[in-house]
């Protein structure tokens, strides 16, 4: 691609809204896709998203809004996807335009449940996106803190370093610092795993376990994640880097972590259904547990924390019993 790149944001949730703020901060014009026409009309009139991060004022004069996905894809050279992984395939089902010549940027931290694929594999196998044209954005980062312009570090992972640098430049501003990496699959699997571990921390918190136990739980989660990444995608990586360990820590401990909040509800006795209904945002970890268990059948990595969460969420296991058992397995 040459010349000025046209940017399209696909997704009107909290992360899509926060990243749109950053893109506009850098004087970019963007195309923005939302399914709900009423939300588009509201933002045009009042200059903020009525449902997510409503404190952010948006320069709508530099936004071209779309409620037609094909129009959005047609207009964008760089497509940024910020739709929860559980719903992404259904949203893309409406697309009939080839993505092959596009830069595809995933701001999704999850796994496509029906396909059991991380996003890089999904876009490559299902949408024929060239791996050198695919990037993923990872944290540690919560959209709420980006909205507040609190200092945030993002890592852009891509097999092509020039593409990674190009995308990193789009998001760099006075409160966002960026780095690049080529460990696409490793960072995507880490992003999937940390959501599950954050739910585990939330369950433990809801059960009344204190900070001493939670610290042990997170330390064991980091080791468990390291072992899983090494088996699934064995390359040289430093798990202590912010894109791995930092993202795990912020998701496990932050007040903004929807996965921890969801887990806390379960630990306090909410039913799965009640917890899902009460949350107005998606806990990606819920949809990742069973695919990770399925993937791990091939690798047979010891994942006692993931297994405990799976037993609680999908096998009617008692949170108290499962964590009592888990406490005997970790140290």
Protein backbone atom coordinates (compact mmCIF):
# COMPACT_ATOMS: atom_id res chain seq x y z
CA UNK A 1 0.00 0.00 0.00
CA UNK A 2 1.18 3.52 -0.77
CA UNK A 3 -0.10 6.97 0.13
CA UNK A 4 -2.40 7.97 2.94
CA UNK A 5 -4.13 4.97 4.49
CA UNK A 6 -7.84 5.10 5.16
CA UNK A 7 -8.66 3.76 8.62
CA UNK A 8 -11.85 1.89 9.53
CA UNK A 9 -12.90 1.02 13.09
CA UNK A 10 -15.27 -1.94 13.31
CA UNK A 11 -17.01 -2.10 16.68
CA UNK A 12 -18.72 0.48 18.86
CA UNK A 13 -17.97 -0.90 22.33
CA UNK A 14 -15.64 0.47 24.98
CA UNK A 15 -12.38 -0.60 23.33
CA UNK A 16 -13.47 0.58 19.90
CA UNK A 17 -14.49 3.92 21.40
CA UNK A 18 -11.21 4.30 23.29
CA UNK A 19 -9.10 3.46 20.24
CA UNK A 20 -11.16 5.86 18.13
CA UNK A 21 -10.32 8.59 20.63
CA UNK A 22 -6.62 7.82 20.23
CA UNK A 23 -6.82 7.79 16.43
CA UNK A 24 -8.61 11.14 16.42
CA UNK A 25 -6.04 12.46 18.91
CA UNK A 26 -3.46 11.84 16.21
CA UNK A 27 -5.44 13.87 13.67
CA UNK A 28 -6.62 10.87 11.71
CA UNK A 29 -9.91 10.74 9.88
CA UNK A 30 -11.68 7.42 10.32
CA UNK A 31 -14.62 5.37 9.14
CA UNK A 32 -16.55 3.84 12.04
CA UNK A 33 -18.92 0.89 11.78
CA UNK A 34 -21.73 0.30 14.28
CA UNK A 35 -24.71 -1.95 13.76
CA UNK A 36 -27.11 0.31 15.66
CA UNK A 37 -28.21 3.33 13.64
CA UNK A 38 -29.67 4.99 16.74
CA UNK A 39 -26.24 4.97 18.40
CA UNK A 40 -24.72 6.57 15.33
CA UNK A 41 -27.35 9.31 15.29
CA UNK A 42 -26.84 9.91 19.02
CA UNK A 43 -23.05 10.26 18.63
CA UNK A 44 -23.46 12.62 15.69
CA UNK A 45 -25.74 14.84 17.76
CA UNK A 46 -24.13 14.69 21.20
CA UNK A 47 -20.51 13.77 20.33
CA UNK A 48 -20.17 10.86 22.72
CA UNK A 49 -21.05 7.18 22.82
CA UNK A 50 -24.28 6.73 24.83
CA UNK A 51 -23.39 3.22 26.01
CA UNK A 52 -19.62 3.09 26.46
CA UNK A 53 -17.09 5.55 27.88
CA UNK A 54 -19.61 8.36 27.57
CA UNK A 55 -17.15 10.86 29.07
CA UNK A 56 -15.13 10.83 25.83
CA UNK A 57 -15.98 13.74 23.54
CA UNK A 58 -15.54 12.76 19.89
CA UNK A 59 -14.73 15.03 16.97
CA UNK A 60 -17.51 13.73 14.76
CA UNK A 61 -16.44 16.03 11.95
CA UNK A 62 -13.56 13.63 11.29
CA UNK A 63 -15.66 10.47 11.50
CA UNK A 64 -17.62 8.89 8.66
CA UNK A 65 -20.19 6.63 10.30
CA UNK A 66 -21.51 3.44 8.71
CA UNK A 67 -24.13 0.89 9.67
CA UNK A 68 -23.29 -1.23 6.63
CA UNK A 69 -20.26 -3.47 7.15
CA UNK A 70 -19.45 -3.86 3.46
CA UNK A 71 -19.36 -0.10 2.98
CA UNK A 72 -16.98 0.20 5.92
CA UNK A 73 -14.63 -2.49 4.63
CA UNK A 74 -14.70 -0.97 1.15
CA UNK A 75 -13.68 2.44 2.50
CA UNK A 76 -10.87 1.21 4.75
CA UNK A 77 -7.30 0.27 3.88
CA UNK A 78 -6.60 -0.51 7.54
CA UNK A 79 -9.41 -2.40 9.27
CA UNK A 80 -9.34 -2.33 13.07
CA UNK A 81 -11.60 -4.96 14.64
CA UNK A 82 -12.79 -4.24 18.18
CA UNK A 83 -15.68 -6.71 18.48
CA UNK A 84 -15.75 -9.37 21.21
CA UNK A 85 -14.43 -12.66 19.87
CA UNK A 86 -17.66 -14.47 20.73
CA UNK A 87 -19.56 -12.33 18.23
CA UNK A 88 -16.95 -11.51 15.59
CA UNK A 89 -17.73 -14.39 13.22
CA UNK A 90 -21.44 -13.60 13.25
CA UNK A 91 -20.76 -9.93 12.50
CA UNK A 92 -18.41 -10.81 9.65
CA UNK A 93 -21.01 -13.16 8.17
CA UNK A 94 -22.54 -10.04 6.62
CA UNK A 95 -19.31 -9.24 4.75
CA UNK A 96 -19.03 -10.17 1.08
CA UNK A 97 -15.88 -8.19 0.30
CA UNK A 98 -12.45 -9.80 0.17
CA UNK A 99 -10.12 -8.80 3.01
CA UNK A 100 -7.00 -10.06 1.26
CA UNK A 101 -5.65 -6.65 0.22
CA UNK A 102 -6.41 -5.00 3.57
CA UNK A 103 -4.32 -4.41 6.64
CA UNK A 104 -6.23 -6.23 9.39
CA UNK A 105 -5.65 -5.10 12.97
CA UNK A 106 -7.19 -7.09 15.80
CA UNK A 107 -7.94 -5.34 19.06
CA UNK A 108 -9.70 -8.51 20.21
CA UNK A 109 -8.35 -10.50 23.14
CA UNK A 110 -10.08 -13.80 22.77
CA UNK A 111 -10.66 -16.87 20.67
CA UNK A 112 -13.33 -17.62 18.05
CA UNK A 113 -15.39 -20.22 19.97
CA UNK A 114 -16.92 -22.24 17.12
CA UNK A 115 -13.64 -22.40 15.24
CA UNK A 116 -11.36 -22.74 18.29
CA UNK A 117 -8.95 -20.36 16.58
CA UNK A 118 -6.97 -17.37 17.78
CA UNK A 119 -7.64 -14.30 15.67
CA UNK A 120 -4.53 -14.52 13.48
CA UNK A 121 -5.42 -18.09 12.46
CA UNK A 122 -9.07 -17.16 11.99
CA UNK A 123 -8.37 -14.27 9.62
CA UNK A 124 -5.77 -16.30 7.75
CA UNK A 125 -7.79 -19.50 7.31
CA UNK A 126 -11.31 -18.12 7.01
CA UNK A 127 -10.71 -14.74 5.35
CA UNK A 128 -7.43 -15.42 3.50
CA UNK A 129 -5.65 -12.48 5.10
CA UNK A 130 -1.91 -12.62 4.45
CA UNK A 131 -0.09 -13.03 7.82
CA UNK A 132 2.21 -10.12 6.92
CA UNK A 133 -0.88 -7.89 6.69
CA UNK A 134 -2.23 -8.93 10.09
CA UNK A 135 -1.47 -7.18 13.39
CA UNK A 136 -2.79 -7.56 16.90
CA UNK A 137 -2.89 -4.97 19.67
CA UNK A 138 -2.23 -6.09 23.21
CA UNK A 139 -1.78 -4.40 26.57
CA UNK A 140 -1.67 -4.15 29.48
CA UNK A 141 -4.50 -1.77 28.74
CA UNK A 142 -8.02 -1.06 29.91
CA UNK A 143 -10.21 1.14 27.76
CA UNK A 144 -11.36 3.09 30.82
CA UNK A 145 -7.82 4.26 31.54
CA UNK A 146 -7.20 5.15 27.90
CA UNK A 147 -10.37 7.24 28.08
CA UNK A 148 -8.92 9.02 31.13
CA UNK A 149 -5.64 9.56 29.26
CA UNK A 150 -3.66 7.62 31.85
CA UNK A 151 -0.29 6.47 30.59
CA UNK A 152 -0.74 3.20 28.69
CA UNK A 153 1.67 0.87 26.90
CA UNK A 154 0.52 -1.05 23.83
CA UNK A 155 2.39 -3.72 21.90
CA UNK A 156 1.69 -4.22 18.20
CA UNK A 157 2.52 -7.75 17.08
CA UNK A 158 3.02 -8.59 13.41
CA UNK A 159 5.22 -10.91 11.38
CA UNK A 160 6.23 -7.92 9.25
CA UNK A 161 8.14 -5.37 11.32
CA UNK A 162 7.45 -2.54 8.87
CA UNK A 163 3.70 -3.13 9.16
CA UNK A 164 4.00 -3.27 12.96
CA UNK A 165 5.82 0.08 12.97
CA UNK A 166 3.16 1.58 10.69
CA UNK A 167 0.32 0.52 12.97
CA UNK A 168 2.22 1.46 16.14
CA UNK A 169 2.62 4.98 14.77
CA UNK A 170 -1.16 5.36 14.43
CA UNK A 171 -1.70 4.83 18.15
CA UNK A 172 1.30 6.62 19.64
CA UNK A 173 0.43 9.83 21.47
CA UNK A 174 1.27 11.65 24.70
CA UNK A 175 -0.52 9.07 26.84
CA UNK A 176 0.01 5.94 24.70
CA UNK A 177 3.45 4.45 24.15
CA UNK A 178 3.92 1.63 21.69
CA UNK A 179 6.31 -1.24 21.09
CA UNK A 180 6.41 -3.93 18.42
CA UNK A 181 6.86 -7.70 18.44
CA UNK A 182 6.76 -10.60 16.01
CA UNK A 183 5.28 -13.10 18.51
CA UNK A 184 1.75 -12.84 17.16
CA UNK A 185 0.43 -16.26 18.19
CA UNK A 186 2.18 -16.17 21.56
CA UNK A 187 0.67 -12.83 22.48
CA UNK A 188 -2.75 -13.87 21.26
CA UNK A 189 -2.72 -17.06 23.32
CA UNK A 190 -1.44 -15.07 26.31
CA UNK A 191 -4.34 -12.64 25.90
CA UNK A 192 -6.76 -15.56 25.86
CA UNK A 193 -5.24 -17.22 28.92
CA UNK A 194 -5.01 -14.08 31.07
CA UNK A 195 -8.78 -13.59 30.79
CA UNK A 196 -9.36 -17.06 32.19
CA UNK A 197 -6.90 -16.45 35.02
CA UNK A 198 -8.58 -13.14 35.83
CA UNK A 199 -11.86 -15.00 36.25
CA UNK A 200 -10.07 -17.40 38.60
CA UNK A 201 -8.78 -14.48 40.67
CA UNK A 202 -12.29 -13.04 40.76
CA UNK A 203 -13.78 -16.35 41.92
CA UNK A 204 -11.17 -16.59 44.68
CA UNK A 205 -11.87 -13.01 45.72
CA UNK A 206 -15.61 -13.68 45.78
CA UNK A 207 -15.02 -16.73 47.96
CA UNK A 208 -13.17 -14.57 50.48
CA UNK A 209 -9.56 -15.52 49.76
CA UNK A 210 -7.14 -12.73 50.60
CA UNK A 211 -4.26 -11.04 48.84
CA UNK A 212 -1.76 -13.62 50.04
CA UNK A 213 -3.53 -16.41 48.18
CA UNK A 214 -4.28 -14.24 45.16
CA UNK A 215 -0.58 -13.46 44.77
CA UNK A 216 0.21 -17.19 44.77
CA UNK A 217 -2.62 -17.81 42.32
CA UNK A 218 -1.35 -15.17 39.87
CA UNK A 219 2.25 -16.41 40.16
CA UNK A 220 1.10 -19.94 39.34
CA UNK A 221 -1.07 -18.62 36.51
CA UNK A 222 1.99 -16.93 34.97
CA UNK A 223 3.91 -20.22 35.07
CA UNK A 224 0.93 -22.15 33.73
CA UNK A 225 0.58 -19.66 30.87
CA UNK A 226 4.31 -19.88 30.12
CA UNK A 227 4.14 -23.69 29.88
CA UNK A 228 1.08 -23.53 27.62
CA UNK A 229 2.62 -20.95 25.27
CA UNK A 230 5.84 -22.93 25.02
CA UNK A 231 3.91 -26.06 24.02
CA UNK A 232 1.46 -24.44 21.60
CA UNK A 233 3.88 -21.99 19.95
CA UNK A 234 7.49 -22.71 21.01
CA UNK A 235 9.59 -19.63 20.27
CA UNK A 236 12.02 -17.67 22.39
CA UNK A 237 10.06 -15.12 24.44
CA UNK A 238 10.38 -13.32 27.76
CA UNK A 239 7.16 -13.99 29.63
CA UNK A 240 8.05 -11.16 32.04
CA UNK A 241 7.43 -8.55 29.33
CA UNK A 242 4.46 -6.26 29.78
CA UNK A 243 2.51 -7.79 26.88
CA UNK A 244 2.46 -11.14 28.73
CA UNK A 245 2.92 -10.73 32.49
CA UNK A 246 1.81 -7.11 32.60
CA UNK A 247 -1.43 -7.88 30.79
CA UNK A 248 -2.06 -10.82 33.14
CA UNK A 249 -1.50 -8.65 36.22
CA UNK A 250 -3.72 -5.77 35.15
CA UNK A 251 -6.54 -8.11 34.13
CA UNK A 252 -6.29 -10.04 37.38
CA UNK A 253 -6.20 -7.01 39.70
CA UNK A 254 -7.79 -4.01 38.00
CA UNK A 255 -11.12 -2.60 39.11
CA UNK A 256 -11.95 -2.28 35.40
CA UNK A 257 -11.39 -5.98 34.62
CA UNK A 258 -14.69 -7.41 33.44
CA UNK A 259 -13.27 -10.95 33.68
CA UNK A 260 -12.37 -10.45 37.34
CA UNK A 261 -15.78 -8.88 37.99
CA UNK A 262 -17.52 -11.83 36.36
CA UNK A 263 -15.46 -14.28 38.42
CA UNK A 264 -16.19 -12.36 41.62
CA UNK A 265 -19.91 -12.71 40.98
CA UNK A 266 -19.52 -16.46 40.55
CA UNK A 267 -17.46 -16.71 43.75
CA UNK A 268 -20.15 -14.80 45.65
CA UNK A 269 -22.81 -17.25 44.56
CA UNK A 270 -24.30 -15.80 41.40
CA UNK A 271 -25.46 -18.35 38.86
CA UNK A 272 -23.66 -18.28 35.52
CA UNK A 273 -26.79 -16.94 33.86
CA UNK A 274 -27.33 -14.22 36.46
CA UNK A 275 -23.72 -13.06 36.23
CA UNK A 276 -23.87 -12.89 32.44
CA UNK A 277 -27.15 -10.97 32.51
CA UNK A 278 -25.98 -8.46 35.12
CA UNK A 279 -22.77 -7.55 33.29
CA UNK A 280 -23.32 -4.98 30.55
CA UNK A 281 -20.01 -5.93 28.89
CA UNK A 282 -18.61 -9.22 27.65
CA UNK A 283 -16.23 -11.27 29.78
CA UNK A 284 -14.09 -12.79 27.02
CA UNK A 285 -12.66 -15.41 29.36
CA UNK A 286 -16.01 -17.16 29.67
CA UNK A 287 -15.97 -18.04 25.97
CA UNK A 288 -12.28 -19.04 26.01
CA UNK A 289 -12.31 -21.75 28.68
CA UNK A 290 -13.73 -24.65 26.68
CA UNK A 291 -11.76 -23.91 23.48
CA UNK A 292 -8.53 -23.82 25.53
CA UNK A 293 -9.44 -27.14 27.14
CA UNK A 294 -10.12 -28.60 23.68
CA UNK A 295 -6.85 -27.25 22.26
CA UNK A 296 -4.92 -28.60 25.23
CA UNK A 297 -6.07 -32.15 24.55
CA UNK A 298 -3.39 -32.19 21.86
CA UNK A 299 -0.63 -30.78 24.09
CA UNK A 300 -1.50 -32.22 27.52
CA UNK A 301 -0.07 -29.27 29.45
CA UNK A 302 -0.90 -29.27 33.16
CA UNK A 303 -3.50 -26.48 33.54
CA UNK A 304 -5.02 -26.89 37.02
CA UNK A 305 -6.27 -23.30 37.21
CA UNK A 306 -7.98 -23.45 33.82
CA UNK A 307 -9.44 -26.84 34.73
CA UNK A 308 -10.85 -25.48 38.00
CA UNK A 309 -12.54 -22.61 36.17
CA UNK A 310 -13.88 -25.01 33.55
CA UNK A 311 -15.33 -27.28 36.24
CA UNK A 312 -17.07 -24.32 37.89
CA UNK A 313 -18.46 -22.72 34.74
CA UNK A 314 -19.35 -25.76 32.67
CA UNK A 315 -19.51 -28.80 34.94
CA UNK A 316 -21.54 -27.39 37.84
CA UNK A 317 -18.55 -27.65 40.13
CA UNK A 318 -18.75 -25.90 43.49
CA UNK A 319 -16.43 -22.85 43.54
CA UNK A 320 -15.56 -23.52 47.18
CA UNK A 321 -14.72 -27.18 46.54
CA UNK A 322 -12.78 -26.47 43.35
CA UNK A 323 -10.64 -23.79 44.98
CA UNK A 324 -10.04 -25.87 48.05
CA UNK A 325 -8.72 -28.57 45.72
CA UNK A 326 -6.75 -26.01 43.68
CA UNK A 327 -5.11 -24.62 46.82
CA UNK A 328 -3.55 -28.04 47.38
CA UNK A 329 -2.11 -28.15 43.85
CA UNK A 330 -0.39 -24.74 43.67
CA UNK A 331 2.42 -23.34 45.79
